[in-house]
């Protein structure tokens, strides 16, 4: 097993550098925007621009990869991502930041699409699960380390911006020099959204709302902490606690979702997250440790919801539908994440910093009501028919859906006949 995974270490190293830079960038820009006197609403809009660019990139870049190849696309967008972060430190104007942030999201979509498709091409049926687990660890670990690096420089200066640019530039080296051949690539079309919603309304609506909450938390979390007059070090620790909670608690949550009715587990986790959001809204603003414990628990409940929504949708699909459906779910999640920071910033303008958590609570409460309605409409899938849950990092491109599939890849992963998928009906379970 080690002999099969070892040759792609360069890909993991490159992905690690990308995620470190990505994790540091989001928190740094939120903090620097406050320092420069940007309004809360402006920062929310800027943070939303990233997800708008990522969403558009996830749709358009696969066509570019198919036309000019992986290496050219990766080199081009690594360079663009490196330039955009430097531009933020030079042009300190909210509207320009929004445009640059959109280009940054578009660039990162290209980087993740190339890296994930390369990993998928190098994985076999007997190594796919291991590779996905390593990728998940690298993704979360890189994002966590990015928060820690916030302490290595002054957000008011240029050093951290230069550091991110260096990390993104260095990501080119291991990937472009890897001995692994560039993969073949097919434009990953997506199962029709209306079709997917008819199959699993709970999964589709859940993915959109979870994307909205995740985008709100990543985009406006640093703003919330800074508004409480905590320093840079505490902001990095707070964001790290969110990530660590999600990474640790996703394992027991995933285990329970495979052993019990997944809808029941999904509802328990959702309502727990809703309650924790409300609790965080009333925590004392001076309680350093209390706020961190709240962040850890909230991250632990909120972040695994995306994987649960994917798994719940898969419970209502045949195996040959799952790759295309998961790809569509990534886009649904991205659409929600695009709206999240802007909406959260409006809450924070009218209700103060803790409005972020009132926003999360209200959104999740509405989703919980919708879940309850769906439970009354249809019976659950039996435990025997439930698909094993695959833990998927939310910060991914649609290509990661192929990596989660245990089917024989070759032509199936790269050139799947999605038109036939849309004409099929689910092979198990009932509509939910």
Protein backbone atom coordinates (compact mmCIF):
# COMPACT_ATOMS: atom_id res chain seq x y z
CA UNK A 1 0.00 0.00 0.00
CA UNK A 2 2.78 2.42 0.95
CA UNK A 3 4.60 1.62 -2.28
CA UNK A 4 1.52 2.67 -4.26
CA UNK A 5 0.96 5.92 -2.37
CA UNK A 6 4.59 7.02 -2.01
CA UNK A 7 5.03 8.05 -5.68
CA UNK A 8 2.36 10.75 -5.35
CA UNK A 9 3.89 12.43 -2.30
CA UNK A 10 4.70 15.44 -4.49
CA UNK A 11 1.00 15.95 -5.20
CA UNK A 12 0.19 15.97 -1.49
CA UNK A 13 3.03 18.40 -0.81
CA UNK A 14 1.76 20.76 -3.50
CA UNK A 15 -1.82 20.50 -2.21
CA UNK A 16 -0.58 21.13 1.33
CA UNK A 17 1.14 24.35 0.27
CA UNK A 18 -2.01 25.47 -1.57
CA UNK A 19 -4.28 24.86 1.42
CA UNK A 20 -1.88 26.57 3.84
CA UNK A 21 -1.88 29.65 1.64
CA UNK A 22 -5.65 29.47 1.20
CA UNK A 23 -6.29 29.14 4.92
CA UNK A 24 -4.00 32.04 5.81
CA UNK A 25 -5.36 34.24 3.03
CA UNK A 26 -9.01 34.23 4.08
CA UNK A 27 -8.35 35.09 7.72
CA UNK A 28 -5.69 37.66 6.86
CA UNK A 29 -7.92 39.55 4.43
CA UNK A 30 -10.81 39.71 6.90
CA UNK A 31 -8.48 41.09 9.55
CA UNK A 32 -6.70 43.53 7.22
CA UNK A 33 -10.03 44.81 5.93
CA UNK A 34 -11.02 45.80 9.47
CA UNK A 35 -7.65 47.45 10.05
CA UNK A 36 -8.12 49.50 6.87
CA UNK A 37 -11.53 50.67 8.05
CA UNK A 38 -13.69 48.65 5.63
CA UNK A 39 -17.27 48.33 6.80
CA UNK A 40 -18.57 44.97 8.00
CA UNK A 41 -20.88 44.81 4.98
CA UNK A 42 -17.97 45.51 2.62
CA UNK A 43 -15.90 42.72 4.17
CA UNK A 44 -18.83 40.32 3.88
CA UNK A 45 -19.24 41.16 0.21
CA UNK A 46 -15.51 40.76 -0.41
CA UNK A 47 -15.50 37.35 1.27
CA UNK A 48 -18.52 36.31 -0.80
CA UNK A 49 -16.64 37.28 -3.97
CA UNK A 50 -14.15 34.48 -3.35
CA UNK A 51 -16.89 31.86 -3.37
CA UNK A 52 -18.43 33.45 -6.44
CA UNK A 53 -15.11 33.07 -8.25
CA UNK A 54 -14.67 29.52 -6.99
CA UNK A 55 -18.17 28.62 -8.15
CA UNK A 56 -17.59 30.02 -11.65
CA UNK A 57 -14.18 28.42 -11.84
CA UNK A 58 -15.58 25.02 -10.94
CA UNK A 59 -17.87 25.27 -13.96
CA UNK A 60 -15.56 26.87 -16.54
CA UNK A 61 -12.03 25.66 -15.73
CA UNK A 62 -12.62 21.96 -16.52
CA UNK A 63 -13.28 23.00 -20.12
CA UNK A 64 -9.98 24.91 -20.14
CA UNK A 65 -8.11 21.93 -18.68
CA UNK A 66 -9.56 19.71 -21.36
CA UNK A 67 -8.36 22.12 -24.05
CA UNK A 68 -4.83 23.09 -22.92
CA UNK A 69 -3.88 20.47 -20.33
CA UNK A 70 -3.29 20.19 -16.59
CA UNK A 71 0.22 21.56 -16.35
CA UNK A 72 -0.48 24.79 -18.23
CA UNK A 73 -3.67 25.42 -16.27
CA UNK A 74 -2.01 24.74 -12.92
CA UNK A 75 0.97 26.96 -13.70
CA UNK A 76 -1.25 29.77 -14.96
CA UNK A 77 -3.61 29.80 -12.00
CA UNK A 78 -0.88 29.31 -9.39
CA UNK A 79 0.75 32.42 -10.84
CA UNK A 80 -2.56 34.30 -10.86
CA UNK A 81 -3.35 33.29 -7.27
CA UNK A 82 0.13 34.41 -6.23
CA UNK A 83 -0.34 37.79 -7.91
CA UNK A 84 -3.84 38.42 -6.54
CA UNK A 85 -2.78 38.09 -2.91
CA UNK A 86 -0.01 40.63 -3.47
CA UNK A 87 -2.47 42.97 -5.18
CA UNK A 88 -4.58 43.03 -2.01
CA UNK A 89 -1.69 44.60 -0.10
CA UNK A 90 -1.10 47.26 -2.73
CA UNK A 91 -4.63 48.42 -3.66
CA UNK A 92 -6.54 49.09 -0.45
CA UNK A 93 -9.99 49.76 -1.86
CA UNK A 94 -13.07 47.59 -1.08
CA UNK A 95 -14.44 47.36 -4.63
CA UNK A 96 -11.04 46.44 -6.06
CA UNK A 97 -10.59 43.88 -3.30
CA UNK A 98 -13.91 42.31 -4.29
CA UNK A 99 -12.75 41.96 -7.91
CA UNK A 100 -9.37 40.60 -6.86
CA UNK A 101 -11.00 38.21 -4.40
CA UNK A 102 -13.23 36.89 -7.20
CA UNK A 103 -10.13 36.23 -9.33
CA UNK A 104 -8.50 34.54 -6.35
CA UNK A 105 -11.46 32.17 -5.93
CA UNK A 106 -11.41 31.43 -9.66
CA UNK A 107 -7.68 30.65 -9.44
CA UNK A 108 -8.01 28.34 -6.44
CA UNK A 109 -10.77 26.44 -8.23
CA UNK A 110 -8.26 25.77 -11.01
CA UNK A 111 -5.59 24.63 -8.56
CA UNK A 112 -7.91 22.22 -6.75
CA UNK A 113 -9.38 20.85 -9.99
CA UNK A 114 -5.93 19.99 -11.35
CA UNK A 115 -4.60 18.56 -8.08
CA UNK A 116 -7.71 16.48 -7.33
CA UNK A 117 -8.00 15.08 -10.85
CA UNK A 118 -4.32 14.13 -10.67
CA UNK A 119 -4.89 12.31 -7.39
CA UNK A 120 -7.93 10.58 -8.83
CA UNK A 121 -5.94 9.42 -11.84
CA UNK A 122 -3.21 7.98 -9.61
CA UNK A 123 -5.62 6.12 -7.31
CA UNK A 124 -6.76 2.55 -7.77
CA UNK A 125 -9.75 0.82 -6.23
CA UNK A 126 -7.60 -0.61 -3.43
CA UNK A 127 -5.91 2.73 -2.63
CA UNK A 128 -8.72 5.19 -3.26
CA UNK A 129 -9.94 5.24 0.35
CA UNK A 130 -6.43 5.72 1.73
CA UNK A 131 -5.69 8.51 -0.71
CA UNK A 132 -8.94 10.28 0.15
CA UNK A 133 -8.14 9.98 3.87
CA UNK A 134 -4.67 11.44 3.34
CA UNK A 135 -6.12 14.19 1.17
CA UNK A 136 -8.66 15.02 3.87
CA UNK A 137 -5.89 15.21 6.47
CA UNK A 138 -3.73 17.41 4.23
CA UNK A 139 -6.71 19.67 3.48
CA UNK A 140 -7.70 20.19 7.11
CA UNK A 141 -4.10 20.28 8.31
CA UNK A 142 -3.10 22.88 5.75
CA UNK A 143 -6.07 25.07 6.57
CA UNK A 144 -5.28 24.77 10.30
CA UNK A 145 -1.60 25.57 9.78
CA UNK A 146 -2.60 28.61 7.75
CA UNK A 147 -4.31 30.02 10.86
CA UNK A 148 -1.18 29.48 12.92
CA UNK A 149 0.99 31.31 10.37
CA UNK A 150 -1.12 34.41 10.98
CA UNK A 151 1.07 34.94 14.06
CA UNK A 152 4.31 35.13 12.03
CA UNK A 153 3.79 38.69 10.84
CA UNK A 154 1.88 41.91 11.32
CA UNK A 155 -1.42 41.99 9.36
CA UNK A 156 -0.82 45.69 8.78
CA UNK A 157 2.40 44.98 6.86
CA UNK A 158 3.40 43.13 3.71
CA UNK A 159 5.14 40.07 5.10
CA UNK A 160 2.12 37.76 5.39
CA UNK A 161 0.94 38.66 1.89
CA UNK A 162 4.41 37.87 0.54
CA UNK A 163 4.46 34.62 2.53
CA UNK A 164 1.21 33.47 0.93
CA UNK A 165 2.56 34.37 -2.50
CA UNK A 166 5.69 32.33 -1.80
CA UNK A 167 3.66 29.31 -0.65
CA UNK A 168 1.50 29.38 -3.76
CA UNK A 169 4.54 29.78 -6.02
CA UNK A 170 6.32 26.91 -4.27
CA UNK A 171 3.30 24.66 -4.84
CA UNK A 172 4.28 24.67 -8.51
CA UNK A 173 7.59 22.94 -7.85
CA UNK A 174 6.56 19.50 -6.50
CA UNK A 175 3.54 19.19 -8.79
CA UNK A 176 5.23 20.24 -12.03
CA UNK A 177 8.30 18.11 -11.30
CA UNK A 178 6.34 15.00 -10.30
CA UNK A 179 7.21 11.86 -12.20
CA UNK A 180 3.54 10.91 -12.41
CA UNK A 181 2.11 11.48 -15.89
CA UNK A 182 -0.56 14.13 -16.31
CA UNK A 183 -3.99 12.48 -16.20
CA UNK A 184 -6.48 12.22 -18.99
CA UNK A 185 -9.39 14.52 -18.32
CA UNK A 186 -13.04 14.70 -19.30
CA UNK A 187 -15.24 17.70 -18.69
CA UNK A 188 -17.08 16.65 -15.48
CA UNK A 189 -20.68 17.37 -16.34
CA UNK A 190 -23.20 17.34 -13.53
CA UNK A 191 -26.48 15.60 -12.98
CA UNK A 192 -29.41 17.93 -13.62
CA UNK A 193 -30.17 19.91 -10.45
CA UNK A 194 -33.94 19.50 -10.76
CA UNK A 195 -33.49 15.76 -11.17
CA UNK A 196 -31.24 15.59 -8.15
CA UNK A 197 -33.66 17.66 -6.06
CA UNK A 198 -36.53 15.34 -7.01
CA UNK A 199 -34.43 12.40 -5.86
CA UNK A 200 -33.24 13.94 -2.58
CA UNK A 201 -34.67 17.34 -1.55
CA UNK A 202 -33.16 16.95 1.90
CA UNK A 203 -29.64 16.44 0.55
CA UNK A 204 -29.76 19.28 -1.98
CA UNK A 205 -31.33 21.88 0.30
CA UNK A 206 -29.08 20.73 3.13
CA UNK A 207 -25.91 21.15 1.02
CA UNK A 208 -26.95 24.67 -0.04
CA UNK A 209 -27.71 25.79 3.52
CA UNK A 210 -24.60 24.13 4.95
CA UNK A 211 -22.56 25.97 2.31
CA UNK A 212 -24.19 29.22 3.42
CA UNK A 213 -23.27 28.58 7.07
CA UNK A 214 -19.72 27.46 6.28
CA UNK A 215 -19.10 30.47 4.05
CA UNK A 216 -20.43 32.75 6.80
CA UNK A 217 -18.18 31.21 9.43
CA UNK A 218 -14.98 31.24 7.36
CA UNK A 219 -15.59 34.69 5.93
CA UNK A 220 -16.86 36.53 9.00
CA UNK A 221 -15.42 34.49 11.90
CA UNK A 222 -12.21 36.56 12.03
CA UNK A 223 -14.29 39.76 11.87
CA UNK A 224 -16.37 38.55 14.84
CA UNK A 225 -13.29 37.92 16.99
CA UNK A 226 -11.60 41.19 16.02
CA UNK A 227 -14.76 43.15 16.83
CA UNK A 228 -14.44 41.80 20.39
CA UNK A 229 -11.02 43.51 20.54
CA UNK A 230 -8.98 40.30 20.64
CA UNK A 231 -5.56 40.32 19.02
CA UNK A 232 -4.18 38.46 16.02
CA UNK A 233 -2.97 35.51 18.08
CA UNK A 234 -6.40 34.85 19.53
CA UNK A 235 -8.04 35.16 16.11
CA UNK A 236 -5.75 32.44 14.73
CA UNK A 237 -6.43 30.19 17.73
CA UNK A 238 -10.18 30.73 17.46
CA UNK A 239 -10.28 29.83 13.76
CA UNK A 240 -7.99 26.88 14.46
CA UNK A 241 -10.40 25.64 17.15
CA UNK A 242 -13.25 25.64 14.61
CA UNK A 243 -11.20 23.55 12.18
CA UNK A 244 -9.89 21.19 14.85
CA UNK A 245 -13.38 20.56 16.22
CA UNK A 246 -14.69 19.69 12.76
CA UNK A 247 -11.76 17.41 12.01
CA UNK A 248 -11.93 15.46 15.29
CA UNK A 249 -15.69 15.11 15.75
CA UNK A 250 -16.43 14.13 12.14
CA UNK A 251 -15.13 10.61 12.82
CA UNK A 252 -17.59 9.65 15.61
CA UNK A 253 -20.40 11.42 13.76
CA UNK A 254 -19.57 9.48 10.60
CA UNK A 255 -19.48 6.22 12.55
CA UNK A 256 -22.92 6.85 14.08
CA UNK A 257 -24.42 7.81 10.71
CA UNK A 258 -23.44 4.40 9.33
CA UNK A 259 -24.91 2.53 12.30
CA UNK A 260 -28.24 4.33 12.68
CA UNK A 261 -30.87 5.96 10.49
CA UNK A 262 -28.86 8.66 8.74
CA UNK A 263 -31.75 11.11 8.76
CA UNK A 264 -31.92 10.80 12.55
CA UNK A 265 -28.17 11.44 12.92
CA UNK A 266 -28.33 14.31 10.42
CA UNK A 267 -31.14 15.94 12.38
CA UNK A 268 -29.41 15.46 15.74
CA UNK A 269 -26.18 17.03 14.43
CA UNK A 270 -28.08 19.89 12.76
CA UNK A 271 -30.14 20.78 15.83
CA UNK A 272 -27.01 20.46 18.00
CA UNK A 273 -25.26 22.91 15.71
CA UNK A 274 -28.27 25.21 15.84
CA UNK A 275 -28.30 25.12 19.64
CA UNK A 276 -24.54 25.68 19.82
CA UNK A 277 -24.86 28.68 17.49
CA UNK A 278 -27.45 30.18 19.81
CA UNK A 279 -25.26 29.41 22.82
CA UNK A 280 -22.26 31.08 21.17
CA UNK A 281 -24.41 34.18 20.60
CA UNK A 282 -24.78 34.60 24.37
CA UNK A 283 -21.26 33.72 25.50
CA UNK A 284 -19.44 36.42 27.49
CA UNK A 285 -17.31 38.48 25.09
CA UNK A 286 -14.40 38.47 27.54
CA UNK A 287 -14.33 34.71 28.18
CA UNK A 288 -11.25 33.63 26.25
CA UNK A 289 -11.40 29.89 27.02
CA UNK A 290 -15.19 29.78 26.91
CA UNK A 291 -15.22 31.24 23.40
CA UNK A 292 -12.65 28.69 22.24
CA UNK A 293 -14.62 25.76 23.67
CA UNK A 294 -17.72 27.10 21.93
CA UNK A 295 -15.79 27.37 18.65
CA UNK A 296 -14.48 23.81 18.97
CA UNK A 297 -17.94 22.35 19.62
CA UNK A 298 -19.62 24.47 16.95
CA UNK A 299 -17.01 23.44 14.37
CA UNK A 300 -17.44 19.82 15.43
CA UNK A 301 -21.19 19.93 14.79
CA UNK A 302 -21.33 22.29 11.81
CA UNK A 303 -18.47 21.14 9.57
CA UNK A 304 -19.41 17.42 9.23
CA UNK A 305 -22.91 18.35 8.01
CA UNK A 306 -21.69 18.58 4.42
CA UNK A 307 -20.48 14.98 4.35
CA UNK A 308 -23.76 13.87 5.95
CA UNK A 309 -25.78 15.63 3.22
CA UNK A 310 -23.66 13.96 0.52
CA UNK A 311 -24.10 10.54 2.16
CA UNK A 312 -27.84 11.04 2.60
CA UNK A 313 -28.19 11.88 -1.10
CA UNK A 314 -26.12 8.83 -2.06
CA UNK A 315 -28.53 6.65 -0.07
CA UNK A 316 -31.12 7.45 -2.73
CA UNK A 317 -28.91 6.91 -5.77
CA UNK A 318 -27.58 3.97 -7.71
CA UNK A 319 -23.81 3.67 -7.69
CA UNK A 320 -23.34 4.90 -11.22
CA UNK A 321 -25.18 8.12 -10.31
CA UNK A 322 -23.04 9.04 -7.31
CA UNK A 323 -20.05 10.66 -9.01
CA UNK A 324 -22.11 13.07 -11.09
CA UNK A 325 -24.52 13.75 -8.21
CA UNK A 326 -21.67 14.51 -5.78
CA UNK A 327 -20.17 16.85 -8.35
CA UNK A 328 -23.46 18.75 -8.54
CA UNK A 329 -23.65 18.86 -4.74
CA UNK A 330 -20.27 20.61 -4.62
CA UNK A 331 -21.67 23.34 -6.85
CA UNK A 332 -24.83 23.58 -4.72
CA UNK A 333 -22.62 23.96 -1.65
CA UNK A 334 -20.57 26.63 -3.43
CA UNK A 335 -23.68 28.58 -4.34
CA UNK A 336 -24.69 28.67 -0.68
CA UNK A 337 -21.17 29.64 0.43
CA UNK A 338 -21.27 32.55 -2.05
CA UNK A 339 -24.28 34.08 -0.28
CA UNK A 340 -23.16 33.32 3.28
CA UNK A 341 -20.63 36.07 4.16
CA UNK A 342 -22.72 38.87 2.65
CA UNK A 343 -25.86 37.82 4.54
CA UNK A 344 -23.91 37.29 7.78
CA UNK A 345 -22.40 40.77 7.48
CA UNK A 346 -25.90 42.29 7.35
CA UNK A 347 -26.80 40.52 10.58
CA UNK A 348 -23.59 41.81 12.18
CA UNK A 349 -24.28 45.38 11.07
CA UNK A 350 -27.68 45.45 12.79
CA UNK A 351 -27.07 43.21 15.83
CA UNK A 352 -23.33 43.50 16.49
CA UNK A 353 -20.54 40.88 16.27
CA UNK A 354 -22.66 38.13 17.82
CA UNK A 355 -25.13 38.59 14.99
CA UNK A 356 -22.99 36.05 13.14
CA UNK A 357 -24.28 33.31 15.43
CA UNK A 358 -27.86 34.55 15.40
CA UNK A 359 -27.60 34.27 11.61
CA UNK A 360 -26.26 30.71 11.84
CA UNK A 361 -28.95 29.75 14.33
CA UNK A 362 -31.85 31.13 12.26
CA UNK A 363 -30.63 29.55 9.04
CA UNK A 364 -30.15 26.16 10.65
CA UNK A 365 -33.48 26.39 12.45
CA UNK A 366 -35.22 26.88 9.10
CA UNK A 367 -33.30 23.94 7.66
CA UNK A 368 -34.32 21.82 10.65
CA UNK A 369 -37.98 22.62 10.00
CA UNK A 370 -37.54 21.59 6.37
CA UNK A 371 -35.87 18.33 7.45
CA UNK A 372 -38.76 17.62 9.84
CA UNK A 373 -41.22 18.20 6.99
CA UNK A 374 -39.33 15.80 4.74
CA UNK A 375 -39.27 13.11 7.43
CA UNK A 376 -43.06 13.23 7.56
CA UNK A 377 -43.26 12.86 3.77
CA UNK A 378 -41.26 9.66 3.30
CA UNK A 379 -39.92 6.67 5.20
CA UNK A 380 -36.19 6.24 5.86
CA UNK A 381 -33.77 4.12 3.86
CA UNK A 382 -33.03 0.84 5.62
CA UNK A 383 -29.65 0.43 7.28
CA UNK A 384 -28.78 -2.31 4.79
CA UNK A 385 -29.29 0.10 1.88
CA UNK A 386 -27.37 3.02 3.39
CA UNK A 387 -24.10 3.82 1.65
CA UNK A 388 -21.01 4.10 3.90
CA UNK A 389 -20.34 7.74 4.70
CA UNK A 390 -17.31 9.26 2.99
CA UNK A 391 -15.82 12.23 4.83
CA UNK A 392 -15.23 14.99 2.27
CA UNK A 393 -13.45 18.29 2.95
CA UNK A 394 -15.84 21.12 2.01
CA UNK A 395 -13.06 23.19 0.41
CA UNK A 396 -12.88 21.10 -2.76
CA UNK A 397 -13.73 21.22 -6.44
CA UNK A 398 -16.31 18.99 -8.20
CA UNK A 399 -13.46 16.69 -9.29
CA UNK A 400 -13.13 15.33 -5.75
CA UNK A 401 -16.39 13.46 -6.36
CA UNK A 402 -14.46 11.04 -8.59
CA UNK A 403 -11.96 10.40 -5.80
CA UNK A 404 -14.77 9.30 -3.48
CA UNK A 405 -16.04 6.66 -5.91
CA UNK A 406 -14.97 3.06 -5.54
CA UNK A 407 -15.98 2.26 -9.08
CA UNK A 408 -13.36 1.39 -11.67
CA UNK A 409 -12.22 4.82 -12.88
CA UNK A 410 -10.57 4.78 -16.34
CA UNK A 411 -13.28 5.91 -18.76
CA UNK A 412 -16.02 5.86 -16.12
CA UNK A 413 -14.53 8.71 -14.09
CA UNK A 414 -13.27 10.82 -16.96
CA UNK A 415 -15.96 10.43 -19.60
CA UNK A 416 -19.10 9.40 -17.77
CA UNK A 417 -22.32 9.43 -19.79
CA UNK A 418 -24.30 11.87 -17.68
CA UNK A 419 -27.19 12.06 -20.12
CA UNK A 420 -28.03 8.48 -19.28
CA UNK A 421 -27.78 9.22 -15.58
CA UNK A 422 -30.41 11.93 -15.76
CA UNK A 423 -32.81 9.49 -17.38
CA UNK A 424 -32.39 6.89 -14.66
CA UNK A 425 -34.44 6.64 -11.54
CA UNK A 426 -32.94 5.88 -8.11
CA UNK A 427 -32.39 2.19 -7.58
CA UNK A 428 -33.03 2.17 -3.87
CA UNK A 429 -34.86 3.95 -1.11
CA UNK A 430 -37.60 6.47 -1.58
CA UNK A 431 -37.64 10.07 -2.60
CA UNK A 432 -36.52 12.30 0.27
